[in-house]
Amino acid sequence: MPGFLVNMNAVALCSHAGQVKFMAPNPRVKVMGTPVPLGSVPSVVAGCAFPPPPVANGPCVTAMWNPGTFTVRVKSMGQGLLCQSSLANCIPTGTPAMISFAGQTRVQGQ
């Protein structure tokens, strides 16, 4: 999926406005001097406003990035990288999370 490559300064939100925090930087790739996150490692969600049981099944706790939305032509350590169009599924709610700002606007990947 084409778009700006994501670095650790990126802003990602769950569907309920919770902030997604990338947990593991890639030790080999930096974009604009900042490491890119590993998409294979779950991200932590903080501040999700979705109500807990019995009202609903929230809040969002983690976000698992969908490998089908990683870059396919640009890779590091054999894995595609996250780009601005990458998507995640939040656990336990199953709702999507998306990147609203890639953290940089110079380097693009497909």
PDB file of N, CA and C in Angstrom:
ATOM      1  N   MET A   1       0.851  -1.173   0.000  1.00  0.00           N
ATOM      2  CA  MET A   1       0.000   0.000   0.000  1.00  0.00           C
ATOM      3  C   MET A   1       0.894   1.231   0.000  1.00  0.00           C
ATOM      4  N   PRO A   2       0.700   2.140  -0.916  1.00  0.00           N
ATOM      5  CA  PRO A   2       1.566   3.313  -0.988  1.00  0.00           C
ATOM      6  C   PRO A   2       1.227   4.342   0.085  1.00  0.00           C
ATOM      7  N   GLY A   3       2.232   5.100   0.443  1.00  0.00           N
ATOM      8  CA  GLY A   3       2.045   6.187   1.394  1.00  0.00           C
ATOM      9  C   GLY A   3       3.353   6.535   2.067  1.00  0.00           C
ATOM     10  N   PHE A   4       3.305   7.574   2.900  1.00  0.00           N
ATOM     11  CA  PHE A   4       4.489   7.970   3.652  1.00  0.00           C
ATOM     12  C   PHE A   4       4.833   6.867   4.656  1.00  0.00           C
ATOM     13  N   LEU A   5       6.134   6.539   4.775  1.00  0.00           N
ATOM     14  CA  LEU A   5       6.551   5.559   5.760  1.00  0.00           C
ATOM     15  C   LEU A   5       6.348   6.131   7.157  1.00  0.00           C
ATOM     16  N   VAL A   6       5.968   5.269   8.075  1.00  0.00           N
ATOM     17  CA  VAL A   6       5.682   5.671   9.447  1.00  0.00           C
ATOM     18  C   VAL A   6       6.966   5.590  10.264  1.00  0.00           C
ATOM     19  N   ASN A   7       7.223   6.611  11.099  1.00  0.00           N
ATOM     20  CA  ASN A   7       8.302   6.501  12.073  1.00  0.00           C
ATOM     21  C   ASN A   7       7.713   6.523  13.478  1.00  0.00           C
ATOM     22  N   MET A   8       8.539   6.427  14.487  1.00  0.00           N
ATOM     23  CA  MET A   8       8.054   6.321  15.867  1.00  0.00           C
ATOM     24  C   MET A   8       7.325   7.577  16.341  1.00  0.00           C
ATOM     25  N   ASN A   9       7.412   8.675  15.602  1.00  0.00           N
ATOM     26  CA  ASN A   9       6.704   9.908  15.952  1.00  0.00           C
ATOM     27  C   ASN A   9       5.300   9.959  15.365  1.00  0.00           C
ATOM     28  N   ALA A  10       4.885   8.917  14.689  1.00  0.00           N
ATOM     29  CA  ALA A  10       3.576   8.904  14.031  1.00  0.00           C
ATOM     30  C   ALA A  10       2.449   8.987  15.056  1.00  0.00           C
ATOM     31  N   VAL A  11       1.311   9.499  14.590  1.00  0.00           N
ATOM     32  CA  VAL A  11       0.110   9.578  15.415  1.00  0.00           C
ATOM     33  C   VAL A  11      -0.905   8.601  14.827  1.00  0.00           C
ATOM     34  N   ALA A  12      -1.325   7.655  15.653  1.00  0.00           N
ATOM     35  CA  ALA A  12      -2.345   6.685  15.247  1.00  0.00           C
ATOM     36  C   ALA A  12      -3.424   6.671  16.315  1.00  0.00           C
ATOM     37  N   LEU A  13      -4.675   6.486  15.871  1.00  0.00           N
ATOM     38  CA  LEU A  13      -5.816   6.511  16.782  1.00  0.00           C
ATOM     39  C   LEU A  13      -6.711   5.308  16.545  1.00  0.00           C
ATOM     40  N   CYS A  14      -7.319   4.814  17.631  1.00  0.00           N
ATOM     41  CA  CYS A  14      -8.353   3.800  17.467  1.00  0.00           C
ATOM     42  C   CYS A  14      -9.646   4.513  17.066  1.00  0.00           C
ATOM     43  N   SER A  15     -10.673   3.767  16.758  1.00  0.00           N
ATOM     44  CA  SER A  15     -11.939   4.358  16.311  1.00  0.00           C
ATOM     45  C   SER A  15     -12.625   5.194  17.386  1.00  0.00           C
ATOM     46  N   HIS A  16     -12.178   5.045  18.631  1.00  0.00           N
ATOM     47  CA  HIS A  16     -12.805   5.760  19.745  1.00  0.00           C
ATOM     48  C   HIS A  16     -11.898   6.856  20.280  1.00  0.00           C
ATOM     49  N   ALA A  17     -10.935   7.290  19.476  1.00  0.00           N
ATOM     50  CA  ALA A  17     -10.002   8.384  19.765  1.00  0.00           C
ATOM     51  C   ALA A  17      -8.940   8.023  20.794  1.00  0.00           C
ATOM     52  N   GLY A  18      -8.707   6.740  21.035  1.00  0.00           N
ATOM     53  CA  GLY A  18      -7.603   6.335  21.903  1.00  0.00           C
ATOM     54  C   GLY A  18      -6.304   6.427  21.131  1.00  0.00           C
ATOM     55  N   GLN A  19      -5.236   6.851  21.790  1.00  0.00           N
ATOM     56  CA  GLN A  19      -3.954   7.013  21.119  1.00  0.00           C
ATOM     57  C   GLN A  19      -3.196   5.692  21.082  1.00  0.00           C
ATOM     58  N   VAL A  20      -2.732   5.333  19.882  1.00  0.00           N
ATOM     59  CA  VAL A  20      -1.980   4.101  19.670  1.00  0.00           C
ATOM     60  C   VAL A  20      -0.493   4.424  19.798  1.00  0.00           C
ATOM     61  N   LYS A  21       0.204   3.697  20.673  1.00  0.00           N
ATOM     62  CA  LYS A  21       1.622   3.920  20.925  1.00  0.00           C
ATOM     63  C   LYS A  21       2.421   2.749  20.374  1.00  0.00           C
ATOM     64  N   PHE A  22       3.333   3.036  19.449  1.00  0.00           N
ATOM     65  CA  PHE A  22       4.203   2.002  18.897  1.00  0.00           C
ATOM     66  C   PHE A  22       5.210   1.587  19.964  1.00  0.00           C
ATOM     67  N   MET A  23       5.448   0.285  20.084  1.00  0.00           N
ATOM     68  CA  MET A  23       6.267  -0.221  21.180  1.00  0.00           C
ATOM     69  C   MET A  23       7.680  -0.639  20.781  1.00  0.00           C
ATOM     70  N   ALA A  24       7.888  -1.105  19.559  1.00  0.00           N
ATOM     71  CA  ALA A  24       9.192  -1.658  19.192  1.00  0.00           C
ATOM     72  C   ALA A  24       9.773  -0.951  17.967  1.00  0.00           C
ATOM     73  N   PRO A  25      10.874  -0.215  18.150  1.00  0.00           N
ATOM     74  CA  PRO A  25      11.516   0.401  16.981  1.00  0.00           C
ATOM     75  C   PRO A  25      12.320  -0.629  16.190  1.00  0.00           C
ATOM     76  N   ASN A  26      12.355  -0.437  14.881  1.00  0.00           N
ATOM     77  CA  ASN A  26      13.171  -1.272  14.006  1.00  0.00           C
ATOM     78  C   ASN A  26      14.626  -0.854  14.223  1.00  0.00           C
ATOM     79  N   PRO A  27      15.522  -1.781  14.576  1.00  0.00           N
ATOM     80  CA  PRO A  27      16.899  -1.398  14.866  1.00  0.00           C
ATOM     81  C   PRO A  27      17.723  -1.038  13.631  1.00  0.00           C
ATOM     82  N   ARG A  28      17.182  -1.254  12.432  1.00  0.00           N
ATOM     83  CA  ARG A  28      17.983  -1.046  11.219  1.00  0.00           C
ATOM     84  C   ARG A  28      17.557   0.131  10.357  1.00  0.00           C
ATOM     85  N   VAL A  29      16.349   0.644  10.537  1.00  0.00           N
ATOM     86  CA  VAL A  29      15.856   1.673   9.619  1.00  0.00           C
ATOM     87  C   VAL A  29      15.421   2.916  10.391  1.00  0.00           C
ATOM     88  N   LYS A  30      15.908   4.064   9.914  1.00  0.00           N
ATOM     89  CA  LYS A  30      15.454   5.346  10.442  1.00  0.00           C
ATOM     90  C   LYS A  30      14.957   6.188   9.280  1.00  0.00           C
ATOM     91  N   VAL A  31      13.916   6.947   9.524  1.00  0.00           N
ATOM     92  CA  VAL A  31      13.387   7.876   8.541  1.00  0.00           C
ATOM     93  C   VAL A  31      13.374   9.243   9.202  1.00  0.00           C
ATOM     94  N   MET A  32      14.068  10.186   8.590  1.00  0.00           N
ATOM     95  CA  MET A  32      14.204  11.537   9.143  1.00  0.00           C
ATOM     96  C   MET A  32      14.855  11.476  10.531  1.00  0.00           C
ATOM     97  N   GLY A  33      15.786  10.535  10.726  1.00  0.00           N
ATOM     98  CA  GLY A  33      16.519  10.407  11.969  1.00  0.00           C
ATOM     99  C   GLY A  33      15.785   9.690  13.091  1.00  0.00           C
ATOM    100  N   THR A  34      14.582   9.198  12.826  1.00  0.00           N
ATOM    101  CA  THR A  34      13.773   8.519  13.840  1.00  0.00           C
ATOM    102  C   THR A  34      13.498   7.092  13.373  1.00  0.00           C
ATOM    103  N   PRO A  35      13.656   6.104  14.258  1.00  0.00           N
ATOM    104  CA  PRO A  35      13.398   4.712  13.854  1.00  0.00           C
ATOM    105  C   PRO A  35      11.955   4.506  13.391  1.00  0.00           C
ATOM    106  N   VAL A  36      11.783   3.538  12.506  1.00  0.00           N
ATOM    107  CA  VAL A  36      10.435   3.134  12.099  1.00  0.00           C
ATOM    108  C   VAL A  36       9.989   2.028  13.043  1.00  0.00           C
ATOM    109  N   PRO A  37       8.671   1.893  13.311  1.00  0.00           N
ATOM    110  CA  PRO A  37       8.220   0.826  14.206  1.00  0.00           C
ATOM    111  C   PRO A  37       8.136  -0.518  13.492  1.00  0.00           C
ATOM    112  N   LEU A  38       8.258  -1.576  14.266  1.00  0.00           N
ATOM    113  CA  LEU A  38       8.038  -2.917  13.744  1.00  0.00           C
ATOM    114  C   LEU A  38       6.534  -3.178  13.742  1.00  0.00           C
ATOM    115  N   GLY A  39       5.971  -3.447  12.583  1.00  0.00           N
ATOM    116  CA  GLY A  39       4.544  -3.700  12.483  1.00  0.00           C
ATOM    117  C   GLY A  39       4.130  -5.046  13.041  1.00  0.00           C
ATOM    118  N   SER A  40       5.092  -5.957  13.185  1.00  0.00           N
ATOM    119  CA  SER A  40       4.778  -7.292  13.695  1.00  0.00           C
ATOM    120  C   SER A  40       4.566  -7.306  15.208  1.00  0.00           C
ATOM    121  N   VAL A  41       4.931  -6.231  15.887  1.00  0.00           N
ATOM    122  CA  VAL A  41       4.775  -6.134  17.341  1.00  0.00           C
ATOM    123  C   VAL A  41       3.497  -5.351  17.638  1.00  0.00           C
ATOM    124  N   PRO A  42       2.628  -5.855  18.516  1.00  0.00           N
ATOM    125  CA  PRO A  42       1.396  -5.123  18.844  1.00  0.00           C
ATOM    126  C   PRO A  42       1.702  -3.765  19.454  1.00  0.00           C
ATOM    127  N   SER A  43       0.828  -2.814  19.182  1.00  0.00           N
ATOM    128  CA  SER A  43       0.930  -1.480  19.758  1.00  0.00           C
ATOM    129  C   SER A  43      -0.047  -1.370  20.927  1.00  0.00           C
ATOM    130  N   VAL A  44       0.237  -0.471  21.846  1.00  0.00           N
ATOM    131  CA  VAL A  44      -0.608  -0.264  23.016  1.00  0.00           C
ATOM    132  C   VAL A  44      -1.550   0.899  22.752  1.00  0.00           C
ATOM    133  N   VAL A  45      -2.812   0.766  23.169  1.00  0.00           N
ATOM    134  CA  VAL A  45      -3.809   1.820  23.011  1.00  0.00           C
ATOM    135  C   VAL A  45      -4.097   2.425  24.386  1.00  0.00           C
ATOM    136  N   ALA A  46      -4.035   3.749  24.477  1.00  0.00           N
ATOM    137  CA  ALA A  46      -4.321   4.442  25.736  1.00  0.00           C
ATOM    138  C   ALA A  46      -5.415   5.483  25.508  1.00  0.00           C
ATOM    139  N   GLY A  47      -6.301   5.604  26.461  1.00  0.00           N
ATOM    140  CA  GLY A  47      -7.325   6.644  26.407  1.00  0.00           C
ATOM    141  C   GLY A  47      -8.517   6.324  25.537  1.00  0.00           C
ATOM    142  N   CYS A  48      -8.762   5.062  25.259  1.00  0.00           N
ATOM    143  CA  CYS A  48      -9.921   4.676  24.457  1.00  0.00           C
ATOM    144  C   CYS A  48     -11.193   4.952  25.254  1.00  0.00           C
ATOM    145  N   ALA A  49     -12.166   5.599  24.610  1.00  0.00           N
ATOM    146  CA  ALA A  49     -13.402   5.990  25.283  1.00  0.00           C
ATOM    147  C   ALA A  49     -14.517   4.960  25.172  1.00  0.00           C
ATOM    148  N   PHE A  50     -14.264   3.819  24.543  1.00  0.00           N
ATOM    149  CA  PHE A  50     -15.303   2.812  24.389  1.00  0.00           C
ATOM    150  C   PHE A  50     -15.603   2.193  25.754  1.00  0.00           C
ATOM    151  N   PRO A  51     -16.879   2.120  26.161  1.00  0.00           N
ATOM    152  CA  PRO A  51     -17.213   1.638  27.501  1.00  0.00           C
ATOM    153  C   PRO A  51     -16.906   0.156  27.709  1.00  0.00           C
ATOM    154  N   PRO A  52     -16.573  -0.202  28.958  1.00  0.00           N
ATOM    155  CA  PRO A  52     -16.303  -1.603  29.283  1.00  0.00           C
ATOM    156  C   PRO A  52     -17.595  -2.393  29.450  1.00  0.00           C
ATOM    157  N   PRO A  53     -17.489  -3.731  29.581  1.00  0.00           N
ATOM    158  CA  PRO A  53     -18.680  -4.542  29.826  1.00  0.00           C
ATOM    159  C   PRO A  53     -19.368  -4.107  31.112  1.00  0.00           C
ATOM    160  N   PRO A  54     -20.655  -4.241  31.223  1.00  0.00           N
ATOM    161  CA  PRO A  54     -21.602  -4.916  30.351  1.00  0.00           C
ATOM    162  C   PRO A  54     -22.175  -4.007  29.271  1.00  0.00           C
ATOM    163  N   VAL A  55     -21.798  -2.725  29.238  1.00  0.00           N
ATOM    164  CA  VAL A  55     -22.335  -1.794  28.242  1.00  0.00           C
ATOM    165  C   VAL A  55     -21.803  -2.113  26.846  1.00  0.00           C
ATOM    166  N   ALA A  56     -20.522  -2.373  26.729  1.00  0.00           N
ATOM    167  CA  ALA A  56     -19.878  -2.693  25.451  1.00  0.00           C
ATOM    168  C   ALA A  56     -18.698  -3.616  25.743  1.00  0.00           C
ATOM    169  N   ASN A  57     -17.841  -3.864  24.750  1.00  0.00           N
ATOM    170  CA  ASN A  57     -16.703  -4.755  24.967  1.00  0.00           C
ATOM    171  C   ASN A  57     -15.373  -4.001  24.965  1.00  0.00           C
ATOM    172  N   GLY A  58     -15.378  -2.747  25.378  1.00  0.00           N
ATOM    173  CA  GLY A  58     -14.172  -1.926  25.362  1.00  0.00           C
ATOM    174  C   GLY A  58     -13.508  -1.892  26.707  1.00  0.00           C
ATOM    175  N   PRO A  59     -12.535  -1.064  26.851  1.00  0.00           N
ATOM    176  CA  PRO A  59     -11.894  -0.214  25.857  1.00  0.00           C
ATOM    177  C   PRO A  59     -10.861  -0.986  25.020  1.00  0.00           C
ATOM    178  N   CYS A  60     -10.401  -0.339  23.939  1.00  0.00           N
ATOM    179  CA  CYS A  60      -9.332  -0.923  23.134  1.00  0.00           C
ATOM    180  C   CYS A  60      -8.064  -0.953  23.991  1.00  0.00           C
ATOM    181  N   VAL A  61      -7.328  -2.071  23.940  1.00  0.00           N
ATOM    182  CA  VAL A  61      -6.134  -2.236  24.760  1.00  0.00           C
ATOM    183  C   VAL A  61      -4.879  -2.328  23.899  1.00  0.00           C
ATOM    184  N   THR A  62      -4.950  -3.132  22.834  1.00  0.00           N
ATOM    185  CA  THR A  62      -3.823  -3.281  21.922  1.00  0.00           C
ATOM    186  C   THR A  62      -4.302  -3.153  20.483  1.00  0.00           C
ATOM    187  N   ALA A  63      -3.375  -2.880  19.601  1.00  0.00           N
ATOM    188  CA  ALA A  63      -3.665  -2.800  18.166  1.00  0.00           C
ATOM    189  C   ALA A  63      -2.701  -3.727  17.437  1.00  0.00           C
ATOM    190  N   MET A  64      -3.256  -4.663  16.670  1.00  0.00           N
ATOM    191  CA  MET A  64      -2.462  -5.592  15.864  1.00  0.00           C
ATOM    192  C   MET A  64      -2.481  -5.094  14.424  1.00  0.00           C
ATOM    193  N   TRP A  65      -1.321  -4.775  13.883  1.00  0.00           N
ATOM    194  CA  TRP A  65      -1.236  -4.234  12.528  1.00  0.00           C
ATOM    195  C   TRP A  65      -1.444  -5.329  11.508  1.00  0.00           C
ATOM    196  N   ASN A  66      -2.250  -5.046  10.498  1.00  0.00           N
ATOM    197  CA  ASN A  66      -2.607  -6.001   9.451  1.00  0.00           C
ATOM    198  C   ASN A  66      -1.457  -6.098   8.442  1.00  0.00           C
ATOM    199  N   PRO A  67      -0.786  -7.266   8.343  1.00  0.00           N
ATOM    200  CA  PRO A  67       0.334  -7.406   7.411  1.00  0.00           C
ATOM    201  C   PRO A  67      -0.046  -7.126   5.962  1.00  0.00           C
ATOM    202  N   GLY A  68      -1.304  -7.289   5.602  1.00  0.00           N
ATOM    203  CA  GLY A  68      -1.744  -6.998   4.241  1.00  0.00           C
ATOM    204  C   GLY A  68      -1.698  -5.518   3.893  1.00  0.00           C
ATOM    205  N   THR A  69      -1.480  -4.671   4.896  1.00  0.00           N
ATOM    206  CA  THR A  69      -1.407  -3.225   4.650  1.00  0.00           C
ATOM    207  C   THR A  69       0.005  -2.687   4.812  1.00  0.00           C
ATOM    208  N   PHE A  70       1.010  -3.573   4.950  1.00  0.00           N
ATOM    209  CA  PHE A  70       2.413  -3.152   5.007  1.00  0.00           C
ATOM    210  C   PHE A  70       2.900  -2.860   3.585  1.00  0.00           C
ATOM    211  N   THR A  71       4.037  -2.215   3.478  1.00  0.00           N
ATOM    212  CA  THR A  71       4.632  -2.005   2.159  1.00  0.00           C
ATOM    213  C   THR A  71       5.064  -3.357   1.589  1.00  0.00           C
ATOM    214  N   VAL A  72       5.009  -3.491   0.274  1.00  0.00           N
ATOM    215  CA  VAL A  72       5.425  -4.743  -0.360  1.00  0.00           C
ATOM    216  C   VAL A  72       6.726  -4.587  -1.136  1.00  0.00           C
ATOM    217  N   ARG A  73       7.082  -3.375  -1.505  1.00  0.00           N
ATOM    218  CA  ARG A  73       8.308  -3.154  -2.268  1.00  0.00           C
ATOM    219  C   ARG A  73       9.455  -2.649  -1.415  1.00  0.00           C
ATOM    220  N   VAL A  74       9.160  -2.106  -0.257  1.00  0.00           N
ATOM    221  CA  VAL A  74      10.182  -1.611   0.662  1.00  0.00           C
ATOM    222  C   VAL A  74      10.121  -2.477   1.913  1.00  0.00           C
ATOM    223  N   LYS A  75      11.246  -3.139   2.234  1.00  0.00           N
ATOM    224  CA  LYS A  75      11.260  -4.064   3.367  1.00  0.00           C
ATOM    225  C   LYS A  75      12.506  -3.849   4.210  1.00  0.00           C
ATOM    226  N   SER A  76      12.416  -4.281   5.455  1.00  0.00           N
ATOM    227  CA  SER A  76      13.551  -4.307   6.357  1.00  0.00           C
ATOM    228  C   SER A  76      13.477  -5.605   7.147  1.00  0.00           C
ATOM    229  N   MET A  77      14.590  -6.296   7.242  1.00  0.00           N
ATOM    230  CA  MET A  77      14.653  -7.576   7.955  1.00  0.00           C
ATOM    231  C   MET A  77      13.603  -8.547   7.418  1.00  0.00           C
ATOM    232  N   GLY A  78      13.325  -8.462   6.113  1.00  0.00           N
ATOM    233  CA  GLY A  78      12.387  -9.364   5.464  1.00  0.00           C
ATOM    234  C   GLY A  78      10.919  -9.043   5.673  1.00  0.00           C
ATOM    235  N   GLN A  79      10.616  -7.930   6.344  1.00  0.00           N
ATOM    236  CA  GLN A  79       9.236  -7.550   6.609  1.00  0.00           C
ATOM    237  C   GLN A  79       8.925  -6.218   5.945  1.00  0.00           C
ATOM    238  N   GLY A  80       7.671  -6.087   5.494  1.00  0.00           N
ATOM    239  CA  GLY A  80       7.223  -4.804   4.992  1.00  0.00           C
ATOM    240  C   GLY A  80       7.144  -3.792   6.133  1.00  0.00           C
ATOM    241  N   LEU A  81       7.146  -2.528   5.782  1.00  0.00           N
ATOM    242  CA  LEU A  81       7.088  -1.462   6.777  1.00  0.00           C
ATOM    243  C   LEU A  81       5.687  -0.877   6.849  1.00  0.00           C
ATOM    244  N   LEU A  82       5.382  -0.224   7.955  1.00  0.00           N
ATOM    245  CA  LEU A  82       4.107   0.473   8.085  1.00  0.00           C
ATOM    246  C   LEU A  82       4.164   1.755   7.275  1.00  0.00           C
ATOM    247  N   CYS A  83       3.059   2.065   6.610  1.00  0.00           N
ATOM    248  CA  CYS A  83       2.952   3.334   5.909  1.00  0.00           C
ATOM    249  C   CYS A  83       1.648   4.008   6.359  1.00  0.00           C
ATOM    250  N   GLN A  84       1.449   5.224   5.909  1.00  0.00           N
ATOM    251  CA  GLN A  84       0.320   5.999   6.395  1.00  0.00           C
ATOM    252  C   GLN A  84      -1.027   5.327   6.122  1.00  0.00           C
ATOM    253  N   SER A  85      -1.101   4.472   5.128  1.00  0.00           N
ATOM    254  CA  SER A  85      -2.365   3.800   4.820  1.00  0.00           C
ATOM    255  C   SER A  85      -2.523   2.449   5.526  1.00  0.00           C
ATOM    256  N   SER A  86      -1.576   2.075   6.396  1.00  0.00           N
ATOM    257  CA  SER A  86      -1.664   0.807   7.129  1.00  0.00           C
ATOM    258  C   SER A  86      -2.810   0.844   8.136  1.00  0.00           C
ATOM    259  N   LEU A  87      -3.405  -0.316   8.367  1.00  0.00           N
ATOM    260  CA  LEU A  87      -4.536  -0.436   9.287  1.00  0.00           C
ATOM    261  C   LEU A  87      -4.252  -1.481  10.348  1.00  0.00           C
ATOM    262  N   ALA A  88      -4.918  -1.328  11.493  1.00  0.00           N
ATOM    263  CA  ALA A  88      -4.801  -2.288  12.587  1.00  0.00           C
ATOM    264  C   ALA A  88      -6.183  -2.663  13.087  1.00  0.00           C
ATOM    265  N   ASN A  89      -6.272  -3.797  13.754  1.00  0.00           N
ATOM    266  CA  ASN A  89      -7.488  -4.206  14.452  1.00  0.00           C
ATOM    267  C   ASN A  89      -7.212  -4.107  15.937  1.00  0.00           C
ATOM    268  N   CYS A  90      -8.105  -3.438  16.649  1.00  0.00           N
ATOM    269  CA  CYS A  90      -7.947  -3.275  18.087  1.00  0.00           C
ATOM    270  C   CYS A  90      -8.497  -4.487  18.820  1.00  0.00           C
ATOM    271  N   ILE A  91      -7.853  -4.812  19.915  1.00  0.00           N
ATOM    272  CA  ILE A  91      -8.273  -5.930  20.749  1.00  0.00           C
ATOM    273  C   ILE A  91      -8.634  -5.362  22.113  1.00  0.00           C
ATOM    274  N   PRO A  92      -9.749  -5.688  22.711  1.00  0.00           N
ATOM    275  CA  PRO A  92     -10.688  -6.752  22.396  1.00  0.00           C
ATOM    276  C   PRO A  92     -11.880  -6.302  21.561  1.00  0.00           C
ATOM    277  N   THR A  93     -11.945  -5.055  21.139  1.00  0.00           N
ATOM    278  CA  THR A  93     -13.157  -4.551  20.489  1.00  0.00           C
ATOM    279  C   THR A  93     -13.304  -4.973  19.039  1.00  0.00           C
ATOM    280  N   GLY A  94     -12.205  -5.242  18.345  1.00  0.00           N
ATOM    281  CA  GLY A  94     -12.261  -5.616  16.939  1.00  0.00           C
ATOM    282  C   GLY A  94     -12.443  -4.435  16.000  1.00  0.00           C
ATOM    283  N   THR A  95     -12.417  -3.229  16.523  1.00  0.00           N
ATOM    284  CA  THR A  95     -12.582  -2.043  15.694  1.00  0.00           C
ATOM    285  C   THR A  95     -11.253  -1.643  15.062  1.00  0.00           C
ATOM    286  N   PRO A  96     -11.283  -0.869  13.978  1.00  0.00           N
ATOM    287  CA  PRO A  96     -10.039  -0.503  13.314  1.00  0.00           C
ATOM    288  C   PRO A  96      -9.296   0.631  14.008  1.00  0.00           C
ATOM    289  N   ALA A  97      -8.006   0.659  13.763  1.00  0.00           N
ATOM    290  CA  ALA A  97      -7.156   1.790  14.148  1.00  0.00           C
ATOM    291  C   ALA A  97      -6.449   2.227  12.890  1.00  0.00           C
ATOM    292  N   MET A  98      -6.197   3.507  12.769  1.00  0.00           N
ATOM    293  CA  MET A  98      -5.515   3.999  11.581  1.00  0.00           C
ATOM    294  C   MET A  98      -4.535   5.100  11.933  1.00  0.00           C
ATOM    295  N   ILE A  99      -3.605   5.326  11.040  1.00  0.00           N
ATOM    296  CA  ILE A  99      -2.564   6.330  11.234  1.00  0.00           C
ATOM    297  C   ILE A  99      -3.067   7.648  10.680  1.00  0.00           C
ATOM    298  N   SER A 100      -3.089   8.679  11.523  1.00  0.00           N
ATOM    299  CA  SER A 100      -3.559   9.983  11.055  1.00  0.00           C
ATOM    300  C   SER A 100      -2.407  10.874  10.606  1.00  0.00           C
ATOM    301  N   PHE A 101      -1.188  10.627  11.114  1.00  0.00           N
ATOM    302  CA  PHE A 101       0.004  11.367  10.680  1.00  0.00           C
ATOM    303  C   PHE A 101       1.180  10.412  10.727  1.00  0.00           C
ATOM    304  N   ALA A 102       1.907  10.291   9.635  1.00  0.00           N
ATOM    305  CA  ALA A 102       2.982   9.317   9.526  1.00  0.00           C
ATOM    306  C   ALA A 102       4.222   9.673  10.352  1.00  0.00           C
ATOM    307  N   GLY A 103       4.309  10.899  10.860  1.00  0.00           N
ATOM    308  CA  GLY A 103       5.489  11.329  11.607  1.00  0.00           C
ATOM    309  C   GLY A 103       6.514  12.010  10.731  1.00  0.00           C
ATOM    310  N   GLN A 104       6.377  11.878   9.432  1.00  0.00           N
ATOM    311  CA  GLN A 104       7.281  12.536   8.486  1.00  0.00           C
ATOM    312  C   GLN A 104       6.584  12.609   7.134  1.00  0.00           C
ATOM    313  N   THR A 105       7.006  13.528   6.301  1.00  0.00           N
ATOM    314  CA  THR A 105       6.352  13.715   4.999  1.00  0.00           C
ATOM    315  C   THR A 105       7.364  13.781   3.850  1.00  0.00           C
ATOM    316  N   ARG A 106       8.455  13.029   3.952  1.00  0.00           N
ATOM    317  CA  ARG A 106       9.458  13.031   2.880  1.00  0.00           C
ATOM    318  C   ARG A 106       9.633  11.677   2.206  1.00  0.00           C
ATOM    319  N   VAL A 107       9.572  10.602   2.969  1.00  0.00           N
ATOM    320  CA  VAL A 107       9.895   9.278   2.439  1.00  0.00           C
ATOM    321  C   VAL A 107       8.619   8.484   2.228  1.00  0.00           C
ATOM    322  N   GLN A 108       8.422   8.020   0.980  1.00  0.00           N
ATOM    323  CA  GLN A 108       7.248   7.218   0.655  1.00  0.00           C
ATOM    324  C   GLN A 108       7.677   5.812   0.285  1.00  0.00           C
ATOM    325  N   GLY A 109       6.756   4.868   0.440  1.00  0.00           N
ATOM    326  CA  GLY A 109       7.028   3.495   0.064  1.00  0.00           C
ATOM    327  C   GLY A 109       5.799   2.846  -0.507  1.00  0.00           C
ATOM    328  N   GLN A 110       5.990   1.745  -1.218  1.00  0.00           N
ATOM    329  CA  GLN A 110       4.881   0.968  -1.762  1.00  0.00           C
ATOM    330  C   GLN A 110       4.940  -0.436  -1.240  1.00  0.00           C
TER     331      GLN A 110
END
